[in-house]
N, C-alpha and C. Protein backbone atom coordinates (compact mmCIF):
# COMPACT_ATOMS: atom_id res chain seq x y z
N UNK A 1 84.01 106.26 75.72
CA UNK A 1 83.99 106.09 77.05
C UNK A 1 85.51 105.78 77.08
N UNK A 2 86.74 106.35 75.46
CA UNK A 2 88.29 106.41 76.05
C UNK A 2 88.24 108.01 75.91
N UNK A 3 87.64 109.01 75.54
CA UNK A 3 87.93 110.36 74.27
C UNK A 3 89.45 110.74 74.84
N UNK A 4 90.28 110.17 75.37
CA UNK A 4 91.56 110.27 74.89
C UNK A 4 92.93 109.54 74.15
N UNK A 5 91.63 108.47 74.24
CA UNK A 5 92.67 107.00 73.77
C UNK A 5 93.24 107.75 71.62
N UNK A 6 92.17 108.26 70.43
CA UNK A 6 92.24 108.83 70.26
C UNK A 6 92.30 109.94 69.19
N UNK A 7 92.87 110.64 70.94
CA UNK A 7 92.31 112.15 70.55
C UNK A 7 94.05 113.38 70.48
N UNK A 8 94.25 113.54 68.88
CA UNK A 8 95.91 114.13 69.44
C UNK A 8 95.90 115.20 69.65
N UNK A 9 94.37 115.68 70.65
CA UNK A 9 95.24 117.20 70.94
C UNK A 9 94.88 117.04 72.27
N UNK A 10 95.50 114.94 72.98
CA UNK A 10 95.52 114.89 74.02
C UNK A 10 96.86 115.81 74.95
N UNK A 11 97.65 115.35 74.46
CA UNK A 11 99.35 116.01 75.44
C UNK A 11 99.06 117.52 74.81
N UNK A 12 98.75 116.88 73.10
CA UNK A 12 99.71 118.22 72.11
C UNK A 12 100.78 117.63 71.52
N UNK A 13 100.78 116.70 70.93
CA UNK A 13 101.77 116.11 70.32
C UNK A 13 101.09 114.64 69.54
N UNK A 14 101.30 114.03 68.29
CA UNK A 14 101.51 112.70 68.06
C UNK A 14 101.96 111.83 69.29
N UNK A 15 101.07 111.20 69.27
CA UNK A 15 101.18 109.25 70.26
C UNK A 15 101.55 108.32 69.28
N UNK A 16 102.89 107.35 69.73
CA UNK A 16 103.19 106.64 69.17
C UNK A 16 102.73 104.83 69.00
N UNK A 17 102.01 104.53 68.44
CA UNK A 17 101.70 103.45 68.66
C UNK A 17 102.29 103.16 69.60
N UNK A 18 103.22 102.23 69.99
CA UNK A 18 103.74 101.42 71.13
C UNK A 18 103.33 102.41 72.95
N UNK A 19 102.76 103.70 73.05
CA UNK A 19 103.18 104.24 73.87
C UNK A 19 100.65 104.30 73.83
N UNK A 20 100.45 104.50 72.75
CA UNK A 20 98.84 104.34 72.37
C UNK A 20 98.44 103.42 73.31
N UNK A 21 99.44 101.69 72.88
CA UNK A 21 98.55 99.83 73.49
C UNK A 21 99.26 100.55 74.90
N UNK A 22 100.90 100.90 75.34
CA UNK A 22 100.97 100.71 76.67
C UNK A 22 99.52 101.46 77.84
N UNK A 23 99.13 102.92 76.72
CA UNK A 23 98.53 103.19 77.91
C UNK A 23 97.03 103.13 77.77
N UNK A 24 96.41 102.33 76.16
CA UNK A 24 95.59 101.93 76.69
C UNK A 24 95.52 100.43 77.56
N UNK A 25 96.56 99.24 77.85
CA UNK A 25 96.72 98.18 78.40
C UNK A 25 96.68 98.72 80.24
N UNK A 26 97.41 100.48 80.55
CA UNK A 26 96.97 100.24 82.26
C UNK A 26 96.30 101.15 82.45
N UNK A 27 95.00 101.13 81.51
CA UNK A 27 92.87 101.37 81.70
C UNK A 27 92.35 100.22 81.84
N UNK A 28 93.00 99.56 81.15
CA UNK A 28 92.27 98.21 81.01
C UNK A 28 92.51 97.93 82.08
N UNK A 29 94.04 97.44 82.66
CA UNK A 29 94.11 96.79 83.96
C UNK A 29 94.01 97.13 85.47
N UNK A 30 92.83 98.70 85.13
CA UNK A 30 93.30 99.30 85.92
C UNK A 30 91.16 99.02 86.19
N UNK A 31 90.73 99.57 85.01
CA UNK A 31 89.58 98.60 85.41
C UNK A 31 89.51 97.56 85.90
N UNK A 32 90.83 96.11 84.75
CA UNK A 32 89.93 94.82 85.74
C UNK A 32 89.95 95.44 87.16
N UNK A 33 91.21 95.68 87.45
CA UNK A 33 91.05 95.99 89.18
C UNK A 33 90.53 96.23 90.30
N UNK A 34 89.75 96.99 89.57
CA UNK A 34 88.41 97.74 90.12
C UNK A 34 87.04 96.90 90.84
N UNK A 35 87.22 96.59 89.23
CA UNK A 35 85.92 96.01 88.64
C UNK A 35 86.52 94.50 89.49
N UNK A 36 87.37 93.81 89.61
CA UNK A 36 87.83 92.59 90.83
C UNK A 36 87.56 92.71 92.21
N UNK A 37 87.34 94.59 92.57
CA UNK A 37 87.87 95.11 93.80
C UNK A 37 85.68 95.29 94.20
N UNK A 38 85.43 95.23 93.56
CA UNK A 38 83.49 95.93 93.12
C UNK A 38 82.86 94.21 93.54
N UNK A 39 83.46 93.52 93.21
CA UNK A 39 83.11 92.54 93.35
C UNK A 39 83.34 91.23 94.26
N UNK A 40 84.00 90.79 94.43
CA UNK A 40 84.75 90.75 95.52
C UNK A 40 83.40 91.74 97.13
N UNK A 41 83.47 92.85 96.34
CA UNK A 41 82.43 92.93 97.86
C UNK A 41 81.06 92.73 97.10
N UNK A 42 80.74 92.11 96.58
CA UNK A 42 79.50 91.81 96.06
C UNK A 42 79.46 90.21 96.83
N UNK A 43 80.26 89.68 96.29
CA UNK A 43 80.86 88.35 95.85
C UNK A 43 80.22 88.13 98.28
N UNK A 44 81.38 89.04 99.02
CA UNK A 44 81.16 89.45 100.57
C UNK A 44 79.60 89.72 101.02
N UNK A 45 78.66 90.85 100.64
CA UNK A 45 77.44 90.37 100.65
C UNK A 45 76.75 89.48 100.29
N UNK A 46 76.79 88.71 99.47
CA UNK A 46 75.93 87.58 98.94
C UNK A 46 76.40 86.78 100.11
N UNK A 47 77.44 86.40 100.14
CA UNK A 47 77.96 85.14 101.46
C UNK A 47 77.12 86.23 102.98
N UNK A 48 77.82 86.82 102.86
CA UNK A 48 76.37 87.56 104.82
C UNK A 48 75.37 87.39 104.23
N UNK A 49 74.68 87.84 103.69
CA UNK A 49 73.23 87.40 103.98
C UNK A 49 73.00 86.24 103.33
N UNK A 50 73.33 85.10 103.03
CA UNK A 50 73.49 83.83 102.69
C UNK A 50 73.59 82.59 104.43
N UNK A 51 73.95 83.23 104.70
CA UNK A 51 74.64 82.65 106.33
C UNK A 51 73.39 83.79 107.25
N UNK A 52 73.41 84.88 106.56
CA UNK A 52 72.08 85.06 107.65
C UNK A 52 70.22 83.98 107.59
N UNK A 53 69.95 83.91 106.19
CA UNK A 53 69.24 82.98 106.32
C UNK A 53 69.25 81.64 106.89
N UNK A 54 70.49 80.56 106.60
CA UNK A 54 71.17 80.01 107.71
C UNK A 54 70.56 79.80 109.21
N UNK A 55 71.68 81.06 108.92
CA UNK A 55 71.28 81.30 110.80
C UNK A 55 69.61 81.69 110.95
N UNK A 56 68.08 81.98 110.91
CA UNK A 56 67.59 82.17 110.74
C UNK A 56 66.20 81.21 111.05
N UNK A 57 66.96 79.53 110.00
CA UNK A 57 66.64 79.15 109.56
C UNK A 57 66.84 78.14 110.28
N UNK A 58 68.06 78.18 110.62
CA UNK A 58 68.59 77.43 111.33
C UNK A 58 67.92 77.50 113.88
N UNK A 59 67.32 78.69 113.48
CA UNK A 59 66.73 79.00 115.04
C UNK A 59 65.25 79.05 114.57
N UNK A 60 64.19 79.10 113.45
CA UNK A 60 63.47 78.79 113.94
C UNK A 60 62.92 77.59 113.81
N UNK A 61 63.49 76.78 112.93
CA UNK A 61 63.68 75.26 112.83
C UNK A 61 63.74 74.83 114.50
N UNK A 62 64.95 75.24 115.27
CA UNK A 62 65.01 74.71 116.98
C UNK A 62 64.45 74.62 117.36
N UNK A 63 62.49 76.05 117.35
CA UNK A 63 62.33 76.64 117.97
C UNK A 63 60.66 75.70 118.27
């Protein structure tokens, strides 16, 4: 999944432990931010569908 983390050929020279950890942290934060964005979109879609269902129920109940 993370081919560049343990690959000594990635930058052509060995990576210090600190650099490795910083790179890994930056990547994981990016993944988290991306997942949060996707989750927000899914939550918005769910809310929209629930609102539409409730509106349909209200309109059929008043008929």
